[in-house]
Amino acid sequence: MHARHFSSPASGTLEDAVTGTASGVLGAYYRRFISRSERGKQPLIIEQGFEVGREGSVQVWATMHGEGYAVRIAGCACFVEELEIHQP
């Protein structure tokens, strides 16, 4: 699957390159509304970041857990920037 995750205007960026939170939610949505089969429990591969020149992918496992889904994600990450946030 291919996904995009737009940032809050207050964050200073327009779009996150790759996000586990967006991919995890998409995985649960896919299992709930598109393909209820877990097909051997293979992970979904969700690619992101192509539009901002920072390609990446996340593996997502979404399995039934009661009335909801248990979601696990995996992928590789790299250091992009260090910053400090001060609360008023």
N, C-alpha and C. Protein backbone atom coordinates (compact mmCIF):
# COMPACT_ATOMS: atom_id res chain seq x y z
N MET A 1 0.85 -1.16 0.00
CA MET A 1 0.00 0.00 0.00
C MET A 1 0.89 1.23 0.00
N HIS A 2 0.37 2.33 -0.46
CA HIS A 2 1.09 3.60 -0.48
C HIS A 2 0.30 4.59 0.38
N ALA A 3 1.00 5.30 1.25
CA ALA A 3 0.32 6.22 2.16
C ALA A 3 1.05 7.55 2.24
N ARG A 4 0.33 8.55 2.73
CA ARG A 4 0.91 9.88 3.00
C ARG A 4 0.38 10.34 4.35
N HIS A 5 1.17 11.13 5.06
CA HIS A 5 0.76 11.63 6.37
C HIS A 5 1.13 13.10 6.45
N PHE A 6 0.13 13.95 6.40
CA PHE A 6 0.36 15.39 6.42
C PHE A 6 0.48 15.88 7.85
N SER A 7 1.40 16.79 8.08
CA SER A 7 1.70 17.30 9.40
C SER A 7 0.83 18.49 9.76
N SER A 8 0.84 18.79 11.03
CA SER A 8 0.19 20.01 11.51
C SER A 8 0.99 21.21 11.01
N PRO A 9 0.33 22.29 10.59
CA PRO A 9 1.05 23.47 10.14
C PRO A 9 2.00 24.02 11.22
N ALA A 10 1.68 23.78 12.49
CA ALA A 10 2.53 24.28 13.59
C ALA A 10 3.83 23.49 13.73
N SER A 11 3.94 22.34 13.07
CA SER A 11 5.12 21.49 13.22
C SER A 11 6.32 22.00 12.42
N GLY A 12 6.08 22.86 11.46
CA GLY A 12 7.18 23.35 10.62
C GLY A 12 7.44 22.49 9.40
N THR A 13 6.72 21.39 9.26
CA THR A 13 6.86 20.53 8.07
C THR A 13 5.49 20.36 7.44
N LEU A 14 5.48 20.08 6.16
CA LEU A 14 4.21 19.86 5.47
C LEU A 14 3.77 18.41 5.52
N GLU A 15 4.76 17.51 5.49
CA GLU A 15 4.43 16.09 5.42
C GLU A 15 5.52 15.28 6.10
N ASP A 16 5.11 14.28 6.89
CA ASP A 16 6.07 13.36 7.49
C ASP A 16 6.48 12.36 6.43
N ALA A 17 7.76 12.01 6.42
CA ALA A 17 8.25 11.06 5.42
C ALA A 17 7.65 9.67 5.65
N VAL A 18 7.86 9.10 6.82
CA VAL A 18 7.34 7.78 7.15
C VAL A 18 6.91 7.80 8.60
N THR A 19 5.70 7.34 8.87
CA THR A 19 5.21 7.35 10.25
C THR A 19 4.60 6.01 10.63
N GLY A 20 5.02 5.51 11.77
CA GLY A 20 4.46 4.27 12.27
C GLY A 20 3.01 4.41 12.70
N THR A 21 2.66 5.57 13.25
CA THR A 21 1.29 5.76 13.71
C THR A 21 0.32 5.74 12.53
N ALA A 22 0.65 6.43 11.46
CA ALA A 22 -0.22 6.44 10.28
C ALA A 22 -0.30 5.04 9.66
N SER A 23 0.82 4.34 9.60
CA SER A 23 0.84 3.00 9.01
C SER A 23 0.06 2.01 9.86
N GLY A 24 0.18 2.11 11.18
CA GLY A 24 -0.55 1.20 12.07
C GLY A 24 -2.05 1.34 11.91
N VAL A 25 -2.53 2.57 11.87
CA VAL A 25 -3.96 2.82 11.70
C VAL A 25 -4.43 2.31 10.34
N LEU A 26 -3.63 2.54 9.30
CA LEU A 26 -3.99 2.06 7.97
C LEU A 26 -4.06 0.53 7.94
N GLY A 27 -3.14 -0.13 8.65
CA GLY A 27 -3.17 -1.59 8.71
C GLY A 27 -4.45 -2.12 9.36
N ALA A 28 -4.87 -1.51 10.46
CA ALA A 28 -6.10 -1.92 11.12
C ALA A 28 -7.32 -1.63 10.23
N TYR A 29 -7.32 -0.49 9.58
CA TYR A 29 -8.41 -0.14 8.67
C TYR A 29 -8.50 -1.16 7.53
N TYR A 30 -7.35 -1.52 6.96
CA TYR A 30 -7.31 -2.48 5.86
C TYR A 30 -7.91 -3.82 6.30
N ARG A 31 -7.50 -4.30 7.46
CA ARG A 31 -8.02 -5.58 7.95
C ARG A 31 -9.51 -5.51 8.26
N ARG A 32 -9.98 -4.40 8.75
CA ARG A 32 -11.39 -4.27 9.14
C ARG A 32 -12.32 -4.11 7.94
N PHE A 33 -11.91 -3.27 6.98
CA PHE A 33 -12.84 -2.90 5.91
C PHE A 33 -12.50 -3.42 4.52
N ILE A 34 -11.26 -3.82 4.29
CA ILE A 34 -10.87 -4.24 2.94
C ILE A 34 -10.61 -5.74 2.86
N SER A 35 -9.78 -6.26 3.74
CA SER A 35 -9.45 -7.69 3.69
C SER A 35 -9.43 -8.25 5.11
N ARG A 36 -10.50 -8.91 5.48
CA ARG A 36 -10.58 -9.47 6.83
C ARG A 36 -9.68 -10.69 7.00
N SER A 37 -9.28 -11.31 5.90
CA SER A 37 -8.41 -12.48 5.96
C SER A 37 -7.02 -12.06 6.42
N GLU A 38 -6.42 -12.87 7.28
CA GLU A 38 -5.05 -12.58 7.71
C GLU A 38 -4.03 -13.30 6.85
N ARG A 39 -4.47 -14.11 5.93
CA ARG A 39 -3.63 -14.78 4.92
C ARG A 39 -2.26 -15.20 5.43
N GLY A 40 -2.24 -16.11 6.37
CA GLY A 40 -0.97 -16.61 6.88
C GLY A 40 -0.24 -15.60 7.74
N LYS A 41 -0.95 -14.57 8.17
CA LYS A 41 -0.40 -13.54 9.05
C LYS A 41 0.80 -12.82 8.43
N GLN A 42 0.78 -12.66 7.12
CA GLN A 42 1.82 -11.90 6.43
C GLN A 42 1.63 -10.42 6.73
N PRO A 43 2.73 -9.67 6.88
CA PRO A 43 2.56 -8.24 7.15
C PRO A 43 2.14 -7.47 5.89
N LEU A 44 1.47 -6.38 6.11
CA LEU A 44 1.22 -5.44 5.02
C LEU A 44 2.48 -4.60 4.89
N ILE A 45 2.84 -4.23 3.70
CA ILE A 45 3.97 -3.33 3.48
C ILE A 45 3.39 -2.00 3.04
N ILE A 46 3.67 -0.96 3.82
CA ILE A 46 3.16 0.36 3.52
C ILE A 46 4.34 1.27 3.23
N GLU A 47 4.34 1.83 2.01
CA GLU A 47 5.43 2.73 1.61
C GLU A 47 4.98 4.17 1.78
N GLN A 48 5.93 5.01 2.16
CA GLN A 48 5.65 6.43 2.33
C GLN A 48 6.89 7.23 1.96
N GLY A 49 6.73 8.53 1.86
CA GLY A 49 7.86 9.44 1.72
C GLY A 49 8.34 9.72 0.31
N PHE A 50 7.78 9.08 -0.69
CA PHE A 50 8.25 9.28 -2.06
C PHE A 50 8.06 10.73 -2.52
N GLU A 51 6.96 11.33 -2.11
CA GLU A 51 6.64 12.69 -2.54
C GLU A 51 7.56 13.74 -1.93
N VAL A 52 8.20 13.40 -0.81
CA VAL A 52 9.10 14.37 -0.16
C VAL A 52 10.57 13.95 -0.30
N GLY A 53 10.84 12.97 -1.17
CA GLY A 53 12.21 12.55 -1.45
C GLY A 53 12.88 11.79 -0.32
N ARG A 54 12.09 11.16 0.57
CA ARG A 54 12.65 10.38 1.68
C ARG A 54 11.87 9.08 1.79
N GLU A 55 12.10 8.17 0.83
CA GLU A 55 11.33 6.94 0.73
C GLU A 55 11.59 6.02 1.92
N GLY A 56 10.55 5.32 2.29
CA GLY A 56 10.68 4.32 3.34
C GLY A 56 9.48 3.41 3.33
N SER A 57 9.55 2.37 4.16
CA SER A 57 8.43 1.45 4.26
C SER A 57 8.30 0.94 5.69
N VAL A 58 7.09 0.54 6.01
CA VAL A 58 6.78 0.01 7.33
C VAL A 58 6.04 -1.30 7.13
N GLN A 59 6.41 -2.31 7.90
CA GLN A 59 5.67 -3.57 7.91
C GLN A 59 4.63 -3.46 9.01
N VAL A 60 3.40 -3.89 8.72
CA VAL A 60 2.31 -3.78 9.68
C VAL A 60 1.61 -5.13 9.81
N TRP A 61 1.48 -5.59 11.04
CA TRP A 61 0.69 -6.76 11.37
C TRP A 61 -0.52 -6.29 12.16
N ALA A 62 -1.72 -6.55 11.67
CA ALA A 62 -2.94 -6.18 12.37
C ALA A 62 -3.77 -7.46 12.53
N THR A 63 -3.88 -7.94 13.75
CA THR A 63 -4.60 -9.19 14.02
C THR A 63 -5.78 -8.92 14.94
N MET A 64 -6.84 -9.70 14.75
CA MET A 64 -8.03 -9.54 15.58
C MET A 64 -7.67 -9.75 17.05
N HIS A 65 -8.21 -8.87 17.89
CA HIS A 65 -8.01 -8.96 19.34
C HIS A 65 -9.31 -8.50 19.99
N GLY A 66 -10.15 -9.47 20.35
CA GLY A 66 -11.48 -9.13 20.86
C GLY A 66 -12.30 -8.49 19.76
N GLU A 67 -12.85 -7.33 20.02
CA GLU A 67 -13.62 -6.60 19.00
C GLU A 67 -12.77 -5.64 18.20
N GLY A 68 -11.49 -5.52 18.55
CA GLY A 68 -10.59 -4.59 17.85
C GLY A 68 -9.43 -5.33 17.22
N TYR A 69 -8.31 -4.65 17.07
CA TYR A 69 -7.13 -5.20 16.43
C TYR A 69 -5.89 -4.92 17.27
N ALA A 70 -5.01 -5.88 17.31
CA ALA A 70 -3.69 -5.68 17.89
C ALA A 70 -2.77 -5.34 16.72
N VAL A 71 -2.05 -4.25 16.82
CA VAL A 71 -1.23 -3.77 15.71
C VAL A 71 0.24 -3.76 16.13
N ARG A 72 1.09 -4.34 15.28
CA ARG A 72 2.54 -4.28 15.47
C ARG A 72 3.14 -3.67 14.20
N ILE A 73 4.17 -2.90 14.36
CA ILE A 73 4.85 -2.31 13.21
C ILE A 73 6.34 -2.56 13.31
N ALA A 74 7.00 -2.56 12.18
CA ALA A 74 8.46 -2.71 12.13
C ALA A 74 8.98 -1.97 10.92
N GLY A 75 10.21 -1.56 11.00
CA GLY A 75 10.85 -0.87 9.88
C GLY A 75 12.21 -0.37 10.31
N CYS A 76 12.86 0.31 9.46
CA CYS A 76 14.16 0.90 9.77
C CYS A 76 14.01 2.41 9.87
N ALA A 77 14.84 3.01 10.69
CA ALA A 77 14.78 4.46 10.88
C ALA A 77 16.19 5.03 10.80
N CYS A 78 16.27 6.32 10.54
CA CYS A 78 17.56 6.98 10.54
C CYS A 78 17.41 8.35 11.22
N PHE A 79 18.49 8.85 11.75
CA PHE A 79 18.49 10.15 12.40
C PHE A 79 18.30 11.24 11.35
N VAL A 80 17.39 12.17 11.61
CA VAL A 80 17.14 13.26 10.67
C VAL A 80 17.55 14.59 11.27
N GLU A 81 17.09 14.85 12.48
CA GLU A 81 17.34 16.15 13.08
C GLU A 81 17.16 16.07 14.58
N GLU A 82 17.94 16.83 15.30
CA GLU A 82 17.77 16.91 16.75
C GLU A 82 17.22 18.29 17.09
N LEU A 83 16.23 18.32 17.98
CA LEU A 83 15.69 19.61 18.39
C LEU A 83 15.21 19.50 19.82
N GLU A 84 15.10 20.64 20.44
CA GLU A 84 14.62 20.73 21.82
C GLU A 84 13.33 21.51 21.85
N ILE A 85 12.37 21.00 22.57
CA ILE A 85 11.08 21.67 22.67
C ILE A 85 10.91 22.14 24.10
N HIS A 86 10.66 23.41 24.26
CA HIS A 86 10.46 24.00 25.59
C HIS A 86 9.00 24.35 25.76
N GLN A 87 8.45 23.93 26.88
CA GLN A 87 7.05 24.27 27.17
C GLN A 87 7.01 25.60 27.90
N PRO A 88 6.02 26.42 27.58
CA PRO A 88 5.92 27.73 28.24
C PRO A 88 5.55 27.61 29.71
